[in-house]
Protein backbone atom coordinates (compact mmCIF):
# COMPACT_ATOMS: atom_id res chain seq x y z
CA UNK A 1 -28.10 -11.42 0.31
CA UNK A 2 -24.81 -10.95 -1.56
CA UNK A 3 -24.94 -10.71 -5.31
CA UNK A 4 -22.08 -11.61 -7.61
CA UNK A 5 -20.17 -9.01 -9.59
CA UNK A 6 -20.91 -10.26 -13.10
CA UNK A 7 -21.95 -6.80 -14.27
CA UNK A 8 -21.77 -5.81 -17.93
CA UNK A 9 -18.50 -4.40 -19.14
CA UNK A 10 -18.34 -0.76 -20.20
CA UNK A 11 -17.21 0.35 -23.64
CA UNK A 12 -13.55 1.31 -23.54
CA UNK A 13 -12.73 5.01 -23.63
CA UNK A 14 -11.55 6.41 -26.97
CA UNK A 15 -8.71 8.30 -25.26
CA UNK A 16 -6.27 5.74 -23.86
CA UNK A 17 -3.70 8.27 -22.62
CA UNK A 18 -2.55 8.12 -19.02
CA UNK A 19 -3.95 11.55 -18.14
CA UNK A 20 -7.23 11.27 -20.08
CA UNK A 21 -9.17 10.60 -16.90
CA UNK A 22 -7.96 13.84 -15.34
CA UNK A 23 -8.94 16.03 -18.28
CA UNK A 24 -12.44 14.55 -18.19
CA UNK A 25 -12.95 14.90 -14.42
CA UNK A 26 -15.52 17.17 -12.80
CA UNK A 27 -14.26 19.57 -10.06
CA UNK A 28 -15.58 17.31 -7.23
CA UNK A 29 -13.82 14.30 -8.80
CA UNK A 30 -10.57 16.25 -9.00
CA UNK A 31 -10.80 17.29 -5.38
CA UNK A 32 -11.36 13.65 -4.42
CA UNK A 33 -8.39 12.63 -6.54
CA UNK A 34 -6.02 15.09 -4.89
CA UNK A 35 -7.34 14.38 -1.41
CA UNK A 36 -6.78 10.63 -1.81
CA UNK A 37 -3.40 11.10 -3.53
CA UNK A 38 -2.20 13.26 -0.64
CA UNK A 39 -3.50 10.68 1.83
CA UNK A 40 -1.61 7.89 0.09
CA UNK A 41 1.58 9.94 -0.05
CA UNK A 42 1.46 10.80 3.64
CA UNK A 43 0.49 7.22 4.53
CA UNK A 44 3.56 6.02 2.63
CA UNK A 45 5.77 8.61 4.31
CA UNK A 46 4.66 7.53 7.77
CA UNK A 47 5.17 3.84 7.09
CA UNK A 48 8.54 4.15 5.36
CA UNK A 49 10.10 6.17 8.18
CA UNK A 50 10.69 3.02 10.23
CA UNK A 51 12.44 0.96 7.52
CA UNK A 52 14.75 3.94 6.95
CA UNK A 53 15.73 4.19 10.64
CA UNK A 54 15.66 0.47 11.42
CA UNK A 55 19.47 0.26 11.39
CA UNK A 56 19.70 3.16 13.82
CA UNK A 57 17.04 1.59 16.07
CA UNK A 58 19.04 -1.66 16.17
CA UNK A 59 22.13 0.24 17.33
CA UNK A 60 20.43 2.69 19.70
CA UNK A 61 18.13 0.21 21.44
CA UNK A 62 20.32 -2.88 21.28
CA UNK A 63 17.87 -5.19 19.48
CA UNK A 64 18.58 -7.88 16.90
CA UNK A 65 17.28 -7.87 13.32
CA UNK A 66 14.51 -10.32 14.06
CA UNK A 67 13.13 -8.16 16.85
CA UNK A 68 13.51 -5.02 14.73
CA UNK A 69 11.59 -6.69 11.91
CA UNK A 70 8.89 -7.61 14.42
CA UNK A 71 7.93 -3.91 14.67
CA UNK A 72 7.15 -3.92 10.94
CA UNK A 73 5.22 -7.14 11.33
CA UNK A 74 3.24 -5.72 14.26
CA UNK A 75 2.34 -2.63 12.20
CA UNK A 76 1.15 -4.73 9.28
CA UNK A 77 -0.75 -7.25 11.41
CA UNK A 78 -2.59 -4.40 13.10
CA UNK A 79 -3.26 -2.89 9.68
CA UNK A 80 -5.06 -6.11 8.70
CA UNK A 81 -7.53 -5.66 11.56
CA UNK A 82 -7.77 -1.90 11.07
CA UNK A 83 -8.32 -2.22 7.33
CA UNK A 84 -11.12 -4.77 7.62
CA UNK A 85 -12.88 -2.88 10.42
CA UNK A 86 -12.51 0.48 8.66
CA UNK A 87 -13.84 -0.99 5.42
CA UNK A 88 -16.85 -2.41 7.26
CA UNK A 89 -17.56 0.94 8.94
CA UNK A 90 -17.06 2.73 5.62
CA UNK A 91 -19.91 0.60 4.22
CA UNK A 92 -22.12 1.66 7.13
CA UNK A 93 -21.20 5.27 7.94
CA UNK A 94 -19.33 6.55 4.88
CA UNK A 95 -16.02 6.44 3.02
CA UNK A 96 -14.98 10.06 3.63
CA UNK A 97 -15.73 10.01 7.35
CA UNK A 98 -13.59 6.92 7.93
CA UNK A 99 -10.77 8.31 5.76
CA UNK A 100 -10.57 11.38 8.00
CA UNK A 101 -10.58 9.30 11.17
CA UNK A 102 -7.82 6.93 10.05
CA UNK A 103 -5.51 9.79 8.98
CA UNK A 104 -5.84 11.40 12.42
CA UNK A 105 -5.18 8.02 14.05
CA UNK A 106 -1.92 7.14 12.30
CA UNK A 107 -0.65 10.74 12.54
CA UNK A 108 -1.10 10.73 16.31
CA UNK A 109 0.70 7.45 16.85
CA UNK A 110 3.58 8.49 14.60
CA UNK A 111 4.07 11.40 16.99
CA UNK A 112 3.94 8.97 19.93
CA UNK A 113 6.81 7.00 18.33
CA UNK A 114 9.03 10.08 18.66
CA UNK A 115 8.79 9.97 22.46
CA UNK A 116 9.23 6.26 23.25
CA UNK A 117 11.92 5.31 25.76
CA UNK A 118 12.55 1.70 24.78
CA UNK A 119 11.91 -0.80 22.01
CA UNK A 120 8.87 -2.34 23.72
CA UNK A 121 7.14 1.05 23.74
CA UNK A 122 8.08 1.59 20.09
CA UNK A 123 6.66 -1.82 19.20
CA UNK A 124 3.32 -0.95 20.81
CA UNK A 125 3.19 2.50 19.22
CA UNK A 126 3.92 1.09 15.75
CA UNK A 127 1.25 -1.57 16.20
CA UNK A 128 -1.32 1.07 17.16
CA UNK A 129 -0.25 3.19 14.18
CA UNK A 130 -0.99 0.16 12.01
CA UNK A 131 -4.73 0.29 12.72
CA UNK A 132 -4.97 3.68 11.02
CA UNK A 133 -2.41 2.82 8.35
CA UNK A 134 -4.50 -0.14 7.16
CA UNK A 135 -7.76 1.74 7.50
CA UNK A 136 -6.60 4.67 5.37
CA UNK A 137 -6.06 2.42 2.35
CA UNK A 138 -9.41 0.66 2.83
CA UNK A 139 -11.39 3.91 2.96
CA UNK A 140 -9.37 5.75 0.31
CA UNK A 141 -9.26 2.94 -2.25
CA UNK A 142 -12.99 2.33 -2.25
CA UNK A 143 -13.65 6.09 -2.28
CA UNK A 144 -11.53 6.56 -5.42
CA UNK A 145 -12.78 3.37 -7.07
CA UNK A 146 -16.40 4.49 -6.76
CA UNK A 147 -15.78 8.13 -7.66
CA UNK A 148 -14.27 7.32 -11.07
CA UNK A 149 -16.15 5.91 -14.06
CA UNK A 150 -15.27 2.44 -15.34
CA UNK A 151 -13.17 3.34 -18.40
CA UNK A 152 -10.81 5.52 -16.35
CA UNK A 153 -10.77 3.63 -13.06
CA UNK A 154 -7.45 1.83 -13.48
CA UNK A 155 -5.56 4.97 -14.49
CA UNK A 156 -7.12 7.19 -11.83
CA UNK A 157 -6.78 4.80 -8.89
CA UNK A 158 -3.32 3.73 -10.03
CA UNK A 159 -2.17 7.35 -10.33
CA UNK A 160 -3.37 7.95 -6.77
CA UNK A 161 -1.36 4.90 -5.68
CA UNK A 162 1.76 6.57 -7.10
CA UNK A 163 1.48 9.00 -4.20
CA UNK A 164 3.03 6.26 -2.07
CA UNK A 165 6.32 6.69 -3.95
CA UNK A 166 6.17 10.44 -3.33
CA UNK A 167 5.66 9.80 0.38
CA UNK A 168 8.58 7.36 0.34
CA UNK A 169 10.69 10.03 -1.33
CA UNK A 170 9.71 12.58 1.32
CA UNK A 171 10.78 10.14 4.03
CA UNK A 172 14.17 9.59 2.33
CA UNK A 173 14.62 13.36 1.96
CA UNK A 174 13.85 13.85 5.64
CA UNK A 175 16.37 11.15 6.48
CA UNK A 176 19.11 12.81 4.43
CA UNK A 177 18.46 16.26 5.95
CA UNK A 178 17.91 15.24 9.57
CA UNK A 179 20.76 12.73 9.77
CA UNK A 180 23.07 15.36 8.25
CA UNK A 181 22.06 18.06 10.73
CA UNK A 182 21.43 16.10 13.92
CA UNK A 183 23.03 13.25 15.89
CA UNK A 184 21.46 9.92 14.98
CA UNK A 185 19.93 9.50 18.45
CA UNK A 186 17.87 12.66 17.82
CA UNK A 187 17.35 12.44 14.05
CA UNK A 188 15.18 9.31 14.15
CA UNK A 189 12.89 10.90 16.73
CA UNK A 190 12.38 14.00 14.60
CA UNK A 191 11.51 11.79 11.64
CA UNK A 192 8.69 10.17 13.60
CA UNK A 193 7.54 13.58 14.83
CA UNK A 194 7.26 14.79 11.23
CA UNK A 195 4.97 11.82 10.64
CA UNK A 196 2.23 13.71 12.48
CA UNK A 197 1.89 16.24 9.64
CA UNK A 198 -0.73 14.20 7.69
CA UNK A 199 -3.30 15.26 10.30
CA UNK A 200 -3.47 18.62 8.50
CA UNK A 201 -4.97 16.87 5.45
CA UNK A 202 -8.19 16.26 7.37
CA UNK A 203 -9.09 19.95 7.10
CA UNK A 204 -9.01 19.64 3.29
CA UNK A 205 -11.01 16.42 3.28
CA UNK A 206 -13.73 17.87 5.50
CA UNK A 207 -14.14 20.90 3.26
CA UNK A 208 -13.73 19.56 -0.27
CA UNK A 209 -14.24 15.78 -0.62
CA UNK A 210 -17.74 14.35 -1.06
CA UNK A 211 -19.10 10.85 -0.51
CA UNK A 212 -19.45 8.89 -3.82
CA UNK A 213 -23.06 8.93 -5.05
CA UNK A 214 -23.12 5.15 -5.53
CA UNK A 215 -22.11 4.58 -1.87
CA UNK A 216 -24.68 7.05 -0.57
CA UNK A 217 -27.39 5.42 -2.69
CA UNK A 218 -26.41 1.96 -1.46
CA UNK A 219 -26.73 3.02 2.18
CA UNK A 220 -30.15 4.55 1.50
CA UNK A 221 -31.33 1.27 -0.03
CA UNK A 222 -30.03 -0.63 2.99
CA UNK A 223 -31.79 1.72 5.42
CA UNK A 224 -35.07 1.50 3.50
CA UNK A 225 -35.00 -2.29 3.41
CA UNK A 226 -33.50 -2.79 6.87
CA UNK A 227 -30.92 -5.08 5.28
CA UNK A 228 -27.61 -3.65 6.51
CA UNK A 229 -24.34 -5.37 5.60
CA UNK A 230 -22.84 -7.70 8.18
CA UNK A 231 -19.13 -7.96 8.84
CA UNK A 232 -19.10 -11.71 7.99
CA UNK A 233 -21.02 -11.20 4.75
CA UNK A 234 -17.83 -11.31 2.69
CA UNK A 235 -17.72 -15.05 3.50
CA UNK A 236 -21.24 -15.75 2.16
CA UNK A 237 -21.43 -18.59 -0.42
CA UNK A 238 -21.78 -16.28 -3.42
CA UNK A 239 -18.60 -14.37 -2.68
CA UNK A 240 -16.46 -16.69 -0.51
CA UNK A 241 -14.23 -17.97 -3.33
CA UNK A 242 -13.51 -14.44 -4.53
CA UNK A 243 -12.72 -13.27 -0.99
CA UNK A 244 -10.26 -16.11 -0.32
CA UNK A 245 -8.50 -15.81 -3.68
CA UNK A 246 -8.27 -12.04 -3.37
CA UNK A 247 -6.79 -12.41 0.13
CA UNK A 248 -4.19 -14.84 -1.24
CA UNK A 249 -3.46 -12.45 -4.08
CA UNK A 250 -3.13 -9.61 -1.59
CA UNK A 251 -0.72 -11.67 0.52
CA UNK A 252 1.56 -12.19 -2.45
CA UNK A 253 1.36 -8.55 -3.51
CA UNK A 254 2.01 -7.18 -0.04
CA UNK A 255 4.52 -9.83 1.02
CA UNK A 256 6.70 -9.22 -2.02
CA UNK A 257 6.68 -5.46 -1.57
CA UNK A 258 7.49 -5.50 2.13
CA UNK A 259 10.10 -8.24 1.79
CA UNK A 260 12.03 -5.94 -0.54
CA UNK A 261 11.43 -2.46 0.87
CA UNK A 262 11.68 -3.17 4.61
CA UNK A 263 15.24 -4.48 4.55
CA UNK A 264 16.63 -2.77 1.45
CA UNK A 265 18.11 0.25 3.29
CA UNK A 266 19.79 -2.11 5.78
CA UNK A 267 20.99 -4.34 2.93
CA UNK A 268 22.71 -1.36 1.30
CA UNK A 269 24.33 -0.32 4.58
CA UNK A 270 25.35 -3.75 5.92
CA UNK A 271 26.11 -5.91 2.88
CA UNK A 272 27.05 -3.22 0.37
CA UNK A 273 28.83 -1.07 3.05
CA UNK A 274 27.12 2.13 1.87
CA UNK A 275 26.60 4.82 4.55
CA UNK A 276 23.16 6.12 5.55
CA UNK A 277 23.65 9.46 3.79
CA UNK A 278 25.27 7.90 0.70
CA UNK A 279 22.45 5.35 0.40
CA UNK A 280 20.04 8.23 -0.21
CA UNK A 281 21.12 8.38 -3.85
CA UNK A 282 20.52 4.66 -4.31
CA UNK A 283 17.08 4.87 -2.72
CA UNK A 284 16.18 8.00 -4.69
CA UNK A 285 16.79 6.22 -8.01
CA UNK A 286 14.79 3.21 -6.78
CA UNK A 287 11.93 5.51 -5.72
CA UNK A 288 11.95 7.22 -9.12
CA UNK A 289 11.52 3.78 -10.69
CA UNK A 290 8.75 3.05 -8.20
CA UNK A 291 6.90 6.26 -9.05
CA UNK A 292 7.08 5.65 -12.80
CA UNK A 293 6.17 1.99 -12.22
CA UNK A 294 2.95 3.07 -10.51
CA UNK A 295 2.05 5.34 -13.43
CA UNK A 296 2.96 2.73 -16.05
CA UNK A 297 0.98 0.09 -14.15
CA UNK A 298 -2.03 2.39 -13.99
CA UNK A 299 -1.96 2.85 -17.77
CA UNK A 300 -1.34 -0.84 -18.51
CA UNK A 301 -4.25 -1.95 -16.30
CA UNK A 302 -6.71 0.10 -18.37
CA UNK A 303 -5.06 -0.47 -21.74
CA UNK A 304 -4.28 -4.21 -21.56
CA UNK A 305 -6.16 -5.40 -18.48
CA UNK A 306 -5.55 -6.05 -14.80
CA UNK A 307 -4.22 -9.58 -15.34
CA UNK A 308 -1.61 -8.49 -17.90
CA UNK A 309 -0.29 -5.93 -15.41
CA UNK A 310 -0.01 -8.38 -12.52
CA UNK A 311 1.58 -11.22 -14.51
CA UNK A 312 4.10 -9.05 -16.33
CA UNK A 313 5.25 -7.06 -13.32
CA UNK A 314 5.48 -10.11 -11.02
CA UNK A 315 7.82 -11.85 -13.47
CA UNK A 316 9.85 -8.66 -13.86
CA UNK A 317 10.12 -8.29 -10.07
CA UNK A 318 11.33 -11.89 -9.61
CA UNK A 319 14.11 -11.47 -12.17
CA UNK A 320 15.21 -8.08 -10.86
CA UNK A 321 15.30 -9.17 -7.20
CA UNK A 322 17.44 -12.18 -8.11
CA UNK A 323 20.03 -10.08 -9.96
CA UNK A 324 20.00 -7.26 -7.36
CA UNK A 325 20.60 -9.52 -4.36
CA UNK A 326 22.45 -12.54 -5.80
CA UNK A 327 24.59 -11.45 -8.75
CA UNK A 328 28.21 -10.30 -8.14
CA UNK A 329 27.64 -6.74 -9.41
CA UNK A 330 29.35 -3.43 -8.67
CA UNK A 331 27.85 -0.65 -6.56
CA UNK A 332 27.35 1.37 -9.73
CA UNK A 333 25.27 -1.41 -11.26
CA UNK A 334 23.33 -1.77 -8.00
CA UNK A 335 22.45 1.92 -8.33
CA UNK A 336 21.29 1.44 -11.94
CA UNK A 337 19.34 -1.71 -11.10
CA UNK A 338 17.45 0.19 -8.41
CA UNK A 339 15.29 1.77 -11.10
CA UNK A 340 13.83 -1.47 -12.55
CA UNK A 341 13.62 -2.94 -9.05
CA UNK A 342 11.44 -0.03 -7.91
CA UNK A 343 9.51 -0.12 -11.20
CA UNK A 344 8.49 -3.79 -11.05
CA UNK A 345 8.28 -4.25 -7.26
CA UNK A 346 5.85 -1.33 -6.92
CA UNK A 347 4.07 -0.93 -10.25
CA UNK A 348 1.67 -3.88 -9.91
CA UNK A 349 0.25 -2.31 -6.74
CA UNK A 350 -1.29 0.49 -8.81
CA UNK A 351 -3.81 -1.97 -10.26
CA UNK A 352 -4.99 -3.53 -7.00
CA UNK A 353 -7.34 -0.77 -5.83
CA UNK A 354 -9.38 -0.77 -9.03
CA UNK A 355 -9.21 -4.58 -9.28
CA UNK A 356 -10.59 -5.14 -5.77
CA UNK A 357 -13.26 -2.45 -6.27
CA UNK A 358 -14.51 -4.32 -9.34
CA UNK A 359 -14.47 -7.76 -7.69
CA UNK A 360 -17.12 -7.01 -5.02
CA UNK A 361 -20.67 -5.58 -4.82
CA UNK A 362 -21.16 -2.09 -3.39
CA UNK A 363 -22.89 -3.08 -0.14
CA UNK A 364 -19.81 -4.99 1.07
CA UNK A 365 -17.11 -3.37 -1.07
CA UNK A 366 -15.40 -1.48 1.75
CA UNK A 367 -15.39 -4.50 4.04
CA UNK A 368 -14.20 -6.87 1.30
CA UNK A 369 -11.46 -4.58 0.01
CA UNK A 370 -10.32 -3.78 3.52
CA UNK A 371 -10.17 -7.47 4.43
CA UNK A 372 -8.45 -8.80 1.31
CA UNK A 373 -5.85 -6.07 0.96
CA UNK A 374 -5.03 -5.79 4.64
CA UNK A 375 -5.17 -9.50 5.50
CA UNK A 376 -2.67 -9.69 2.68
CA UNK A 377 -0.69 -7.09 4.57
CA UNK A 378 -1.07 -9.05 7.80
CA UNK A 379 0.19 -12.33 6.33
CA UNK A 380 2.79 -10.53 4.25
CA UNK A 381 3.81 -8.87 7.52
CA UNK A 382 5.40 -12.13 8.60
CA UNK A 383 7.98 -11.77 5.84
CA UNK A 384 10.04 -8.89 7.34
CA UNK A 385 10.31 -10.73 10.67
CA UNK A 386 11.21 -14.05 9.04
CA UNK A 387 13.77 -12.34 6.83
CA UNK A 388 15.33 -10.78 9.92
CA UNK A 389 15.64 -14.14 11.65
CA UNK A 390 16.77 -15.99 8.51
CA UNK A 391 19.51 -13.40 7.94
CA UNK A 392 21.19 -14.70 11.11
CA UNK A 393 22.16 -17.83 9.16
CA UNK A 394 22.05 -16.59 5.55
CA UNK A 395 23.19 -13.36 3.87
CA UNK A 396 20.50 -10.68 4.17
CA UNK A 397 20.21 -10.40 0.38
CA UNK A 398 19.52 -14.14 0.09
CA UNK A 399 16.87 -13.99 2.81
CA UNK A 400 15.16 -11.11 0.98
CA UNK A 401 15.19 -13.03 -2.30
CA UNK A 402 13.73 -16.22 -0.81
CA UNK A 403 10.67 -14.53 0.65
CA UNK A 404 10.16 -12.05 -2.18
CA UNK A 405 10.07 -14.79 -4.84
CA UNK A 406 7.69 -16.89 -2.74
CA UNK A 407 5.37 -13.90 -2.43
CA UNK A 408 5.44 -13.14 -6.16
CA UNK A 409 4.52 -16.78 -6.86
CA UNK A 410 1.31 -16.26 -4.82
CA UNK A 411 0.63 -13.07 -6.76
CA UNK A 412 0.97 -14.92 -10.06
CA UNK A 413 -1.35 -17.72 -8.93
CA UNK A 414 -4.01 -15.30 -7.71
CA UNK A 415 -3.89 -13.30 -10.95
CA UNK A 416 -4.48 -16.49 -12.96
CA UNK A 417 -7.41 -17.72 -10.82
CA UNK A 418 -9.31 -14.44 -10.40
CA UNK A 419 -11.34 -12.96 -13.29
CA UNK A 420 -10.33 -10.07 -15.52
CA UNK A 421 -12.38 -7.03 -14.38
CA UNK A 422 -11.26 -4.20 -16.65
CA UNK A 423 -14.21 -1.91 -17.52
CA UNK A 424 -16.66 -3.51 -15.08
CA UNK A 425 -19.61 -1.22 -14.26
CA UNK A 426 -20.50 -0.72 -10.58
CA UNK A 427 -24.06 -0.74 -9.20
CA UNK A 428 -25.53 0.50 -5.92
CA UNK A 429 -27.00 -2.89 -4.92
């Protein structure tokens, strides 16, 4: 039987600084923090490799933009299935175990991408990578959300989410180095090969990261009662509304992010006529904004609430995307505007892990988080493909703006309809 999540709210922490949670952590909590942060960074690096080489893939393999965008869509659709299934298994066999498995999975298929001989093979390899890509978030987010006490949860989980920007930065750095040293037909393959490096993180996770006590206690209660969670339990009457609204919210959050980031490198190269190597500086400033946006969002979510973060950043993202893609601005101003674009288009994501953790009871938390976040990815995955096809009749920047603003509208609606969860205490049942 699924209970609701109307738990009492914890007293806010006296120290509201961004790093207060870290100073107050125990050694096991810190090891979990760094393990999950590294996982997020490497997950982000692996995913962002393809958007960075998408222009090269179009030229090398002779595909159109719509087909090239389909590879992103296939990755994200597969991540929806992988995230839900991983979350369900994390509820049954453990968060840490599934985190290790998913990292090995997406690392292996990134290496496979380096050896494909045609676009069809690349499409399949990216789709298979997506299963692990989606699963890593599902296992890691619930692991961090349960390992951190209520008053610090938003800052801790949001700071871990900032690892994505670091991974994105690593991918851009690899692009700049490899495309400077190697011919383009070799450089993109070496980028995918480097995507296998996250597998090394598993050795750290096996040695240092422990299962959250609340998750272990929940599984013991289930075993004693014989009442194990079922994969369809997230659609039970007591939780159905929350599941559907959270999935809609996730669709807006993910759709907006991928609408912007998937095609932005190509937008700079095709519409702004900026070379691959020269675009590195533009992307670097955008990624810096993204990194600081994650950290600011983490602090805001604990200081002012989850809803304030989502509403404020969604509005900021809408305005910035419109100016970036539609206003007649110089390349210098495009470079400057990259910072607020990265800040607003990424920062709201730092609140989602804690928010989804607090929306659902422990026995189905992994399954529910995995479903809502990654179904959001799956539906949001349609956006890169649709943008690619729409750009055949509209400027690429206009196509990006249309789908990004539609996604942010869903994010705003979901934030208004779902409850504020800041400070919610978690229970084993």
